[in-house]
């Protein structure tokens, strides 16, 4: 996706995409292919006739992160999905080709925006769960099983919030 936004027609298969140790080698191959098939200059992200690409890319990333969070794929395996995306963005952002660097930086910033939207929704969910837990605690006849479930739910949401904050921090510092 980032490569295509740079104007590169190279593709990466599933194994290459998930192999963090091979990112640099794969990226070098992609850059070589880009250099041989492309005249440097405008690339889709900055081309005047492709203005909708930037908004479509932002919309795609927002939906990607929101869907991954809803399905809890974003948090599986200690954030493996995010770790792979971050590794690729970091590697691409240090490319010698301006189109790659710029596009990667734009995608990283759009990812921060999308992750912030997920974090806002998760904070609201956490606040709502805490209010439900506090309301149950204030009742005269406490339902211990419900209270235990509410407590567990609050803890799970809190863990997701911490993961999101870690993801955002990683994107900012990398």
N, C-alpha and C. Protein backbone atom coordinates (compact mmCIF):
# COMPACT_ATOMS: atom_id res chain seq x y z
N UNK A 1 0.83 -1.18 0.00
CA UNK A 1 0.00 0.00 0.00
C UNK A 1 0.88 1.25 0.00
N UNK A 2 1.86 1.29 0.90
CA UNK A 2 2.75 2.46 0.95
C UNK A 2 3.55 2.56 -0.34
N UNK A 3 3.99 1.41 -0.84
CA UNK A 3 4.74 1.40 -2.09
C UNK A 3 3.92 1.94 -3.25
N UNK A 4 2.67 1.55 -3.33
CA UNK A 4 1.81 2.04 -4.40
C UNK A 4 1.55 3.53 -4.27
N UNK A 5 1.44 4.02 -3.04
CA UNK A 5 1.26 5.46 -2.83
C UNK A 5 2.51 6.23 -3.23
N UNK A 6 3.65 5.53 -3.26
CA UNK A 6 4.91 6.15 -3.71
C UNK A 6 5.03 6.13 -5.23
N UNK A 7 4.18 5.35 -5.88
CA UNK A 7 4.27 5.21 -7.33
C UNK A 7 5.07 3.99 -7.73
N UNK A 8 5.25 3.07 -6.81
CA UNK A 8 6.02 1.85 -7.07
C UNK A 8 5.06 0.69 -7.33
N UNK A 9 5.36 -0.11 -8.34
CA UNK A 9 4.49 -1.24 -8.68
C UNK A 9 4.95 -2.55 -8.06
N UNK A 10 6.01 -2.53 -7.28
CA UNK A 10 6.50 -3.74 -6.64
C UNK A 10 5.49 -4.23 -5.61
N UNK A 11 5.48 -5.52 -5.42
CA UNK A 11 4.57 -6.08 -4.42
C UNK A 11 5.37 -6.90 -3.41
N UNK A 12 4.77 -7.07 -2.27
CA UNK A 12 5.40 -7.82 -1.18
C UNK A 12 4.43 -8.93 -0.80
N UNK A 13 4.93 -10.17 -0.76
CA UNK A 13 4.03 -11.26 -0.38
C UNK A 13 3.89 -11.32 1.14
N UNK A 14 3.01 -12.17 1.59
CA UNK A 14 2.70 -12.26 3.02
C UNK A 14 3.93 -12.61 3.86
N UNK A 15 4.74 -13.52 3.37
CA UNK A 15 5.94 -13.91 4.12
C UNK A 15 6.92 -12.74 4.25
N UNK A 16 7.15 -12.04 3.15
CA UNK A 16 8.06 -10.89 3.18
C UNK A 16 7.52 -9.80 4.11
N UNK A 17 6.22 -9.59 4.08
CA UNK A 17 5.61 -8.54 4.90
C UNK A 17 5.75 -8.84 6.39
N UNK A 18 5.67 -10.10 6.77
CA UNK A 18 5.72 -10.44 8.19
C UNK A 18 7.13 -10.75 8.70
N UNK A 19 8.11 -10.84 7.80
CA UNK A 19 9.50 -11.13 8.19
C UNK A 19 10.21 -9.84 8.54
N UNK A 20 10.24 -9.52 9.83
CA UNK A 20 10.85 -8.26 10.27
C UNK A 20 12.36 -8.23 10.02
N UNK A 21 12.99 -9.38 10.04
CA UNK A 21 14.44 -9.41 9.82
C UNK A 21 14.80 -9.15 8.36
N UNK A 22 13.86 -9.39 7.45
CA UNK A 22 14.15 -9.21 6.03
C UNK A 22 13.62 -7.91 5.45
N UNK A 23 13.11 -7.03 6.29
CA UNK A 23 12.52 -5.78 5.80
C UNK A 23 13.53 -4.96 5.00
N UNK A 24 14.74 -4.81 5.52
CA UNK A 24 15.74 -3.98 4.85
C UNK A 24 16.08 -4.55 3.48
N UNK A 25 16.27 -5.86 3.38
CA UNK A 25 16.59 -6.48 2.09
C UNK A 25 15.43 -6.35 1.12
N UNK A 26 14.23 -6.58 1.59
CA UNK A 26 13.05 -6.46 0.74
C UNK A 26 12.89 -5.03 0.27
N UNK A 27 13.10 -4.09 1.16
CA UNK A 27 12.99 -2.67 0.81
C UNK A 27 14.04 -2.28 -0.23
N UNK A 28 15.25 -2.80 -0.11
CA UNK A 28 16.29 -2.52 -1.11
C UNK A 28 15.88 -3.03 -2.48
N UNK A 29 15.28 -4.23 -2.52
CA UNK A 29 14.81 -4.78 -3.80
C UNK A 29 13.71 -3.90 -4.39
N UNK A 30 12.80 -3.46 -3.54
CA UNK A 30 11.70 -2.60 -4.00
C UNK A 30 12.25 -1.27 -4.53
N UNK A 31 13.23 -0.72 -3.84
CA UNK A 31 13.82 0.55 -4.27
C UNK A 31 14.54 0.38 -5.61
N UNK A 32 15.22 -0.72 -5.79
CA UNK A 32 15.90 -0.99 -7.07
C UNK A 32 14.88 -1.06 -8.19
N UNK A 33 13.79 -1.76 -7.95
CA UNK A 33 12.75 -1.87 -8.96
C UNK A 33 12.15 -0.49 -9.25
N UNK A 34 11.94 0.29 -8.20
CA UNK A 34 11.38 1.64 -8.34
C UNK A 34 12.31 2.51 -9.19
N UNK A 35 13.61 2.42 -8.94
CA UNK A 35 14.58 3.23 -9.68
C UNK A 35 14.60 2.87 -11.16
N UNK A 36 14.41 1.60 -11.48
CA UNK A 36 14.48 1.18 -12.88
C UNK A 36 13.20 1.48 -13.65
N UNK A 37 12.07 1.53 -12.98
CA UNK A 37 10.82 1.71 -13.71
C UNK A 37 10.19 3.09 -13.56
N UNK A 38 10.76 3.95 -12.77
CA UNK A 38 10.12 5.23 -12.49
C UNK A 38 11.05 6.39 -12.79
N UNK A 39 10.50 7.40 -13.38
CA UNK A 39 11.22 8.66 -13.50
C UNK A 39 10.93 9.46 -12.24
N UNK A 40 11.95 9.89 -11.56
CA UNK A 40 11.74 10.62 -10.32
C UNK A 40 11.01 11.93 -10.60
N UNK A 41 10.17 12.28 -9.73
CA UNK A 41 9.37 13.49 -9.90
C UNK A 41 8.12 13.33 -9.06
N UNK A 42 7.00 13.62 -9.67
CA UNK A 42 5.74 13.47 -8.95
C UNK A 42 5.45 12.01 -8.68
N UNK A 43 4.86 11.75 -7.56
CA UNK A 43 4.40 10.43 -7.20
C UNK A 43 2.97 10.60 -6.71
N UNK A 44 2.19 9.54 -6.69
CA UNK A 44 0.74 9.66 -6.46
C UNK A 44 0.33 10.50 -5.26
N UNK A 45 1.05 10.45 -4.19
CA UNK A 45 0.63 11.18 -2.99
C UNK A 45 0.68 12.69 -3.18
N UNK A 46 1.57 13.18 -4.03
CA UNK A 46 1.69 14.62 -4.23
C UNK A 46 1.23 15.10 -5.60
N UNK A 47 0.87 14.17 -6.47
CA UNK A 47 0.43 14.54 -7.81
C UNK A 47 -0.86 15.35 -7.74
N UNK A 48 -0.93 16.37 -8.53
CA UNK A 48 -2.10 17.26 -8.52
C UNK A 48 -3.39 16.55 -8.91
N UNK A 49 -3.30 15.60 -9.83
CA UNK A 49 -4.49 14.91 -10.28
C UNK A 49 -4.92 13.76 -9.37
N UNK A 50 -4.21 13.53 -8.29
CA UNK A 50 -4.52 12.43 -7.37
C UNK A 50 -4.82 12.96 -5.96
N UNK A 51 -5.47 14.12 -5.87
CA UNK A 51 -5.74 14.75 -4.57
C UNK A 51 -6.56 13.86 -3.64
N UNK A 52 -7.40 13.00 -4.19
CA UNK A 52 -8.27 12.17 -3.37
C UNK A 52 -7.51 11.03 -2.70
N UNK A 53 -6.32 10.74 -3.20
CA UNK A 53 -5.53 9.64 -2.63
C UNK A 53 -5.23 9.86 -1.16
N UNK A 54 -4.85 11.06 -0.80
CA UNK A 54 -4.49 11.35 0.58
C UNK A 54 -5.68 11.11 1.52
N UNK A 55 -6.85 11.59 1.15
CA UNK A 55 -8.02 11.40 2.01
C UNK A 55 -8.45 9.93 2.02
N UNK A 56 -8.33 9.26 0.88
CA UNK A 56 -8.66 7.84 0.83
C UNK A 56 -7.70 7.02 1.68
N UNK A 57 -6.45 7.39 1.66
CA UNK A 57 -5.44 6.71 2.47
C UNK A 57 -5.73 6.90 3.96
N UNK A 58 -6.07 8.13 4.35
CA UNK A 58 -6.41 8.40 5.74
C UNK A 58 -7.65 7.64 6.17
N UNK A 59 -8.64 7.60 5.31
CA UNK A 59 -9.87 6.86 5.60
C UNK A 59 -9.59 5.36 5.73
N UNK A 60 -8.75 4.85 4.82
CA UNK A 60 -8.39 3.43 4.89
C UNK A 60 -7.70 3.10 6.20
N UNK A 61 -6.73 3.91 6.60
CA UNK A 61 -6.00 3.65 7.84
C UNK A 61 -6.92 3.76 9.06
N UNK A 62 -7.83 4.73 9.06
CA UNK A 62 -8.78 4.86 10.16
C UNK A 62 -9.62 3.60 10.28
N UNK A 63 -10.13 3.13 9.14
CA UNK A 63 -10.95 1.92 9.15
C UNK A 63 -10.13 0.68 9.51
N UNK A 64 -8.90 0.62 9.05
CA UNK A 64 -8.03 -0.51 9.35
C UNK A 64 -7.80 -0.63 10.86
N UNK A 65 -7.38 0.48 11.48
CA UNK A 65 -7.10 0.45 12.91
C UNK A 65 -8.37 0.25 13.73
N UNK A 66 -9.48 0.86 13.31
CA UNK A 66 -10.74 0.69 14.04
C UNK A 66 -11.21 -0.76 13.96
N UNK A 67 -11.14 -1.35 12.77
CA UNK A 67 -11.55 -2.75 12.61
C UNK A 67 -10.63 -3.69 13.38
N UNK A 68 -9.35 -3.42 13.31
CA UNK A 68 -8.38 -4.26 14.04
C UNK A 68 -8.61 -4.16 15.54
N UNK A 69 -8.97 -2.97 16.01
CA UNK A 69 -9.25 -2.81 17.44
C UNK A 69 -10.55 -3.50 17.82
N UNK A 70 -11.59 -3.36 17.00
CA UNK A 70 -12.87 -4.00 17.29
C UNK A 70 -12.77 -5.51 17.32
N UNK A 71 -11.97 -6.06 16.43
CA UNK A 71 -11.78 -7.51 16.37
C UNK A 71 -10.67 -7.97 17.32
N UNK A 72 -10.05 -7.02 17.99
CA UNK A 72 -8.95 -7.23 18.93
C UNK A 72 -7.71 -7.83 18.28
N UNK A 73 -7.62 -7.72 16.96
CA UNK A 73 -6.43 -8.15 16.23
C UNK A 73 -5.27 -7.21 16.55
N UNK A 74 -5.61 -5.96 16.80
CA UNK A 74 -4.60 -4.94 17.09
C UNK A 74 -3.81 -5.29 18.35
N UNK A 75 -4.46 -5.98 19.28
CA UNK A 75 -3.83 -6.27 20.56
C UNK A 75 -3.30 -7.70 20.66
N UNK A 76 -3.61 -8.56 19.69
CA UNK A 76 -3.17 -9.95 19.71
C UNK A 76 -1.65 -10.05 19.62
N UNK A 77 -1.11 -11.07 20.23
CA UNK A 77 0.33 -11.35 20.16
C UNK A 77 1.17 -10.12 20.49
N UNK A 78 0.81 -9.44 21.56
CA UNK A 78 1.52 -8.22 21.99
C UNK A 78 1.61 -7.18 20.87
N UNK A 79 0.55 -7.04 20.12
CA UNK A 79 0.50 -6.02 19.07
C UNK A 79 1.34 -6.36 17.86
N UNK A 80 1.35 -7.62 17.44
CA UNK A 80 2.18 -8.05 16.31
C UNK A 80 1.84 -7.28 15.03
N UNK A 81 0.56 -7.05 14.78
CA UNK A 81 0.16 -6.30 13.58
C UNK A 81 0.77 -4.91 13.60
N UNK A 82 0.64 -4.22 14.70
CA UNK A 82 1.19 -2.87 14.80
C UNK A 82 2.71 -2.90 14.70
N UNK A 83 3.35 -3.87 15.34
CA UNK A 83 4.80 -3.97 15.32
C UNK A 83 5.33 -4.13 13.90
N UNK A 84 4.64 -4.93 13.11
CA UNK A 84 5.05 -5.13 11.71
C UNK A 84 4.86 -3.84 10.92
N UNK A 85 3.70 -3.20 11.08
CA UNK A 85 3.45 -1.94 10.38
C UNK A 85 4.47 -0.88 10.77
N UNK A 86 4.76 -0.79 12.05
CA UNK A 86 5.73 0.19 12.54
C UNK A 86 7.12 -0.09 11.98
N UNK A 87 7.52 -1.36 11.94
CA UNK A 87 8.85 -1.72 11.42
C UNK A 87 8.98 -1.32 9.95
N UNK A 88 7.93 -1.56 9.17
CA UNK A 88 7.96 -1.18 7.76
C UNK A 88 8.01 0.33 7.61
N UNK A 89 7.16 1.03 8.34
CA UNK A 89 7.13 2.50 8.22
C UNK A 89 8.47 3.11 8.62
N UNK A 90 9.07 2.58 9.66
CA UNK A 90 10.35 3.09 10.13
C UNK A 90 11.44 2.86 9.08
N UNK A 91 11.45 1.66 8.51
CA UNK A 91 12.45 1.34 7.49
C UNK A 91 12.25 2.20 6.24
N UNK A 92 11.02 2.33 5.81
CA UNK A 92 10.75 3.09 4.59
C UNK A 92 11.06 4.57 4.81
N UNK A 93 10.84 5.06 6.02
CA UNK A 93 11.07 6.49 6.29
C UNK A 93 12.55 6.86 6.24
N UNK A 94 13.43 5.87 6.29
CA UNK A 94 14.86 6.17 6.20
C UNK A 94 15.42 5.87 4.80
N UNK A 95 14.52 5.70 3.84
CA UNK A 95 14.92 5.43 2.46
C UNK A 95 15.65 6.63 1.86
N UNK A 96 16.46 6.36 0.85
CA UNK A 96 17.14 7.44 0.14
C UNK A 96 16.25 8.09 -0.90
N UNK A 97 15.11 7.46 -1.17
CA UNK A 97 14.19 7.97 -2.18
C UNK A 97 13.14 8.83 -1.49
N UNK A 98 13.05 10.08 -1.93
CA UNK A 98 12.15 11.05 -1.30
C UNK A 98 10.70 10.57 -1.28
N UNK A 99 10.24 9.98 -2.37
CA UNK A 99 8.85 9.52 -2.44
C UNK A 99 8.55 8.50 -1.34
N UNK A 100 9.51 7.63 -1.06
CA UNK A 100 9.33 6.64 -0.01
C UNK A 100 9.32 7.31 1.36
N UNK A 101 10.30 8.18 1.59
CA UNK A 101 10.39 8.86 2.90
C UNK A 101 9.13 9.67 3.18
N UNK A 102 8.72 10.47 2.22
CA UNK A 102 7.57 11.34 2.41
C UNK A 102 6.29 10.53 2.63
N UNK A 103 6.06 9.54 1.78
CA UNK A 103 4.85 8.73 1.90
C UNK A 103 4.82 7.98 3.22
N UNK A 104 5.95 7.44 3.62
CA UNK A 104 6.01 6.73 4.90
C UNK A 104 5.71 7.66 6.07
N UNK A 105 6.23 8.86 6.01
CA UNK A 105 5.99 9.84 7.08
C UNK A 105 4.51 10.22 7.13
N UNK A 106 3.92 10.44 5.97
CA UNK A 106 2.49 10.78 5.91
C UNK A 106 1.65 9.63 6.46
N UNK A 107 1.98 8.40 6.07
CA UNK A 107 1.23 7.24 6.58
C UNK A 107 1.42 7.10 8.09
N UNK A 108 2.62 7.35 8.59
CA UNK A 108 2.85 7.29 10.03
C UNK A 108 2.01 8.33 10.77
N UNK A 109 1.95 9.54 10.23
CA UNK A 109 1.14 10.58 10.87
C UNK A 109 -0.35 10.26 10.79
N UNK A 110 -0.77 9.71 9.67
CA UNK A 110 -2.17 9.29 9.56
C UNK A 110 -2.47 8.13 10.51
N UNK A 111 -1.48 7.28 10.74
CA UNK A 111 -1.64 6.18 11.69
C UNK A 111 -1.80 6.72 13.11
N UNK A 112 -1.04 7.75 13.44
CA UNK A 112 -1.18 8.38 14.76
C UNK A 112 -2.59 8.92 14.92
N UNK A 113 -3.09 9.58 13.89
CA UNK A 113 -4.46 10.12 13.94
C UNK A 113 -5.47 9.00 14.12
N UNK A 114 -5.33 7.94 13.35
CA UNK A 114 -6.27 6.81 13.43
C UNK A 114 -6.19 6.13 14.80
N UNK A 115 -4.97 5.95 15.31
CA UNK A 115 -4.82 5.33 16.63
C UNK A 115 -5.39 6.22 17.73
N UNK A 116 -5.26 7.53 17.56
CA UNK A 116 -5.86 8.45 18.53
C UNK A 116 -7.37 8.33 18.54
N UNK A 117 -7.97 8.16 17.38
CA UNK A 117 -9.42 7.97 17.31
C UNK A 117 -9.83 6.69 18.03
N UNK A 118 -9.06 5.62 17.85
CA UNK A 118 -9.33 4.36 18.55
C UNK A 118 -9.15 4.56 20.06
N UNK A 119 -8.12 5.31 20.45
CA UNK A 119 -7.86 5.55 21.86
C UNK A 119 -8.98 6.35 22.51
N UNK A 120 -9.51 7.34 21.80
CA UNK A 120 -10.62 8.14 22.32
C UNK A 120 -11.83 7.24 22.58
N UNK A 121 -12.16 6.39 21.62
CA UNK A 121 -13.29 5.47 21.77
C UNK A 121 -13.04 4.50 22.93
N UNK A 122 -11.82 4.04 23.07
CA UNK A 122 -11.48 3.11 24.14
C UNK A 122 -11.54 3.80 25.50
N UNK A 123 -11.11 5.06 25.56
CA UNK A 123 -11.21 5.82 26.82
C UNK A 123 -12.67 5.99 27.24
N UNK A 124 -13.54 6.27 26.27
CA UNK A 124 -14.97 6.39 26.56
C UNK A 124 -15.53 5.07 27.08
N UNK A 125 -15.12 3.99 26.42
CA UNK A 125 -15.56 2.66 26.85
C UNK A 125 -15.07 2.36 28.26
N UNK A 126 -13.84 2.76 28.56
CA UNK A 126 -13.26 2.54 29.89
C UNK A 126 -14.01 3.35 30.95
N UNK A 127 -14.31 4.59 30.64
CA UNK A 127 -15.05 5.44 31.58
C UNK A 127 -16.43 4.87 31.85
N UNK A 128 -17.07 4.39 30.81
CA UNK A 128 -18.41 3.81 30.94
C UNK A 128 -18.34 2.53 31.78
N UNK A 129 -17.36 1.71 31.55
CA UNK A 129 -17.20 0.47 32.33
C UNK A 129 -16.92 0.80 33.79
N UNK A 130 -16.09 1.82 34.04
CA UNK A 130 -15.81 2.22 35.42
C UNK A 130 -17.06 2.73 36.12
N UNK A 131 -17.88 3.51 35.41
CA UNK A 131 -19.12 4.00 36.01
C UNK A 131 -20.06 2.84 36.35
N UNK A 132 -20.15 1.86 35.48
CA UNK A 132 -20.99 0.69 35.74
C UNK A 132 -20.48 -0.08 36.96
N UNK A 133 -19.16 -0.20 37.06
CA UNK A 133 -18.56 -0.90 38.20
C UNK A 133 -18.83 -0.14 39.50
N UNK A 134 -18.65 1.17 39.45
CA UNK A 134 -18.89 2.00 40.65
C UNK A 134 -20.36 1.96 41.07
N UNK A 135 -21.26 1.96 40.09
CA UNK A 135 -22.69 1.88 40.40
C UNK A 135 -23.02 0.55 41.07
N UNK A 136 -22.41 -0.51 40.59
CA UNK A 136 -22.64 -1.84 41.20
C UNK A 136 -22.07 -1.90 42.61
N UNK A 137 -20.94 -1.25 42.83
CA UNK A 137 -20.32 -1.23 44.17
C UNK A 137 -21.17 -0.45 45.17
N UNK A 138 -21.90 0.56 44.69
CA UNK A 138 -22.71 1.40 45.58
C UNK A 138 -24.03 0.75 45.97
N UNK A 139 -24.43 -0.26 45.24
CA UNK A 139 -25.69 -0.92 45.55
C UNK A 139 -25.64 -1.56 46.92
N UNK A 140 -26.80 -1.58 47.57
CA UNK A 140 -26.89 -2.21 48.88
C UNK A 140 -26.67 -3.72 48.80
N UNK A 141 -27.29 -4.33 47.80
CA UNK A 141 -27.13 -5.78 47.59
C UNK A 141 -26.25 -5.97 46.36
N UNK A 142 -24.99 -6.14 46.60
CA UNK A 142 -24.04 -6.27 45.49
C UNK A 142 -24.11 -7.67 44.90
N UNK A 143 -24.12 -7.72 43.60
CA UNK A 143 -24.05 -8.99 42.88
C UNK A 143 -22.56 -9.27 42.65
N UNK A 144 -22.00 -10.17 43.44
CA UNK A 144 -20.55 -10.40 43.40
C UNK A 144 -20.09 -10.91 42.04
N UNK A 145 -20.89 -11.75 41.41
CA UNK A 145 -20.50 -12.27 40.10
C UNK A 145 -20.47 -11.14 39.07
N UNK A 146 -21.49 -10.28 39.10
CA UNK A 146 -21.53 -9.15 38.16
C UNK A 146 -20.38 -8.19 38.46
N UNK A 147 -20.11 -7.95 39.73
CA UNK A 147 -19.02 -7.06 40.10
C UNK A 147 -17.68 -7.61 39.62
N UNK A 148 -17.52 -8.91 39.74
CA UNK A 148 -16.27 -9.55 39.26
C UNK A 148 -16.14 -9.40 37.74
N UNK A 149 -17.26 -9.60 37.02
CA UNK A 149 -17.25 -9.44 35.56
C UNK A 149 -16.92 -7.99 35.16
N UNK A 150 -17.53 -7.04 35.86
CA UNK A 150 -17.28 -5.63 35.58
C UNK A 150 -15.82 -5.26 35.85
N UNK A 151 -15.29 -5.80 36.93
CA UNK A 151 -13.89 -5.55 37.28
C UNK A 151 -12.96 -6.12 36.21
N UNK A 152 -13.28 -7.32 35.75
CA UNK A 152 -12.47 -7.96 34.71
C UNK A 152 -12.55 -7.15 33.41
N UNK A 153 -13.76 -6.68 33.07
CA UNK A 153 -13.95 -5.87 31.87
C UNK A 153 -13.14 -4.58 31.95
N UNK A 154 -13.16 -3.93 33.11
CA UNK A 154 -12.38 -2.69 33.30
C UNK A 154 -10.89 -2.95 33.12
N UNK A 155 -10.41 -4.06 33.65
CA UNK A 155 -9.00 -4.40 33.54
C UNK A 155 -8.60 -4.66 32.09
N UNK A 156 -9.47 -5.36 31.33
CA UNK A 156 -9.18 -5.64 29.92
C UNK A 156 -9.14 -4.36 29.10
N UNK A 157 -10.09 -3.47 29.34
CA UNK A 157 -10.12 -2.21 28.61
C UNK A 157 -8.89 -1.37 28.96
N UNK A 158 -8.51 -1.41 30.23
CA UNK A 158 -7.32 -0.67 30.66
C UNK A 158 -6.06 -1.21 29.95
N UNK A 159 -5.98 -2.52 29.80
CA UNK A 159 -4.83 -3.10 29.09
C UNK A 159 -4.82 -2.65 27.62
N UNK A 160 -5.98 -2.58 27.00
CA UNK A 160 -6.05 -2.10 25.61
C UNK A 160 -5.62 -0.65 25.53
N UNK A 161 -6.03 0.15 26.50
CA UNK A 161 -5.62 1.57 26.53
C UNK A 161 -4.11 1.70 26.66
N UNK A 162 -3.53 0.90 27.53
CA UNK A 162 -2.07 0.93 27.70
C UNK A 162 -1.37 0.53 26.41
N UNK A 163 -1.91 -0.48 25.73
CA UNK A 163 -1.31 -0.91 24.46
C UNK A 163 -1.39 0.22 23.43
N UNK A 164 -2.53 0.89 23.35
CA UNK A 164 -2.68 2.00 22.41
C UNK A 164 -1.71 3.13 22.73
N UNK A 165 -1.56 3.44 23.99
CA UNK A 165 -0.62 4.49 24.38
C UNK A 165 0.81 4.09 24.03
N UNK A 166 1.13 2.82 24.19
CA UNK A 166 2.46 2.32 23.82
C UNK A 166 2.66 2.42 22.30
N UNK A 167 1.62 2.06 21.53
CA UNK A 167 1.71 2.16 20.07
C UNK A 167 1.94 3.61 19.64
N UNK A 168 1.17 4.51 20.22
CA UNK A 168 1.31 5.93 19.87
C UNK A 168 2.70 6.45 20.25
N UNK A 169 3.18 6.05 21.40
CA UNK A 169 4.51 6.47 21.83
C UNK A 169 5.57 5.92 20.90
N UNK A 170 5.42 4.66 20.49
CA UNK A 170 6.39 4.04 19.58
C UNK A 170 6.40 4.77 18.24
N UNK A 171 5.24 5.13 17.72
CA UNK A 171 5.21 5.86 16.45
C UNK A 171 5.84 7.22 16.56
N UNK A 172 5.66 7.88 17.69
CA UNK A 172 6.23 9.21 17.89
C UNK A 172 7.74 9.16 18.04
N UNK A 173 8.24 8.17 18.77
CA UNK A 173 9.68 8.14 19.06
C UNK A 173 10.49 7.45 17.97
N UNK A 174 9.86 6.65 17.14
CA UNK A 174 10.62 5.96 16.09
C UNK A 174 10.79 6.89 14.98
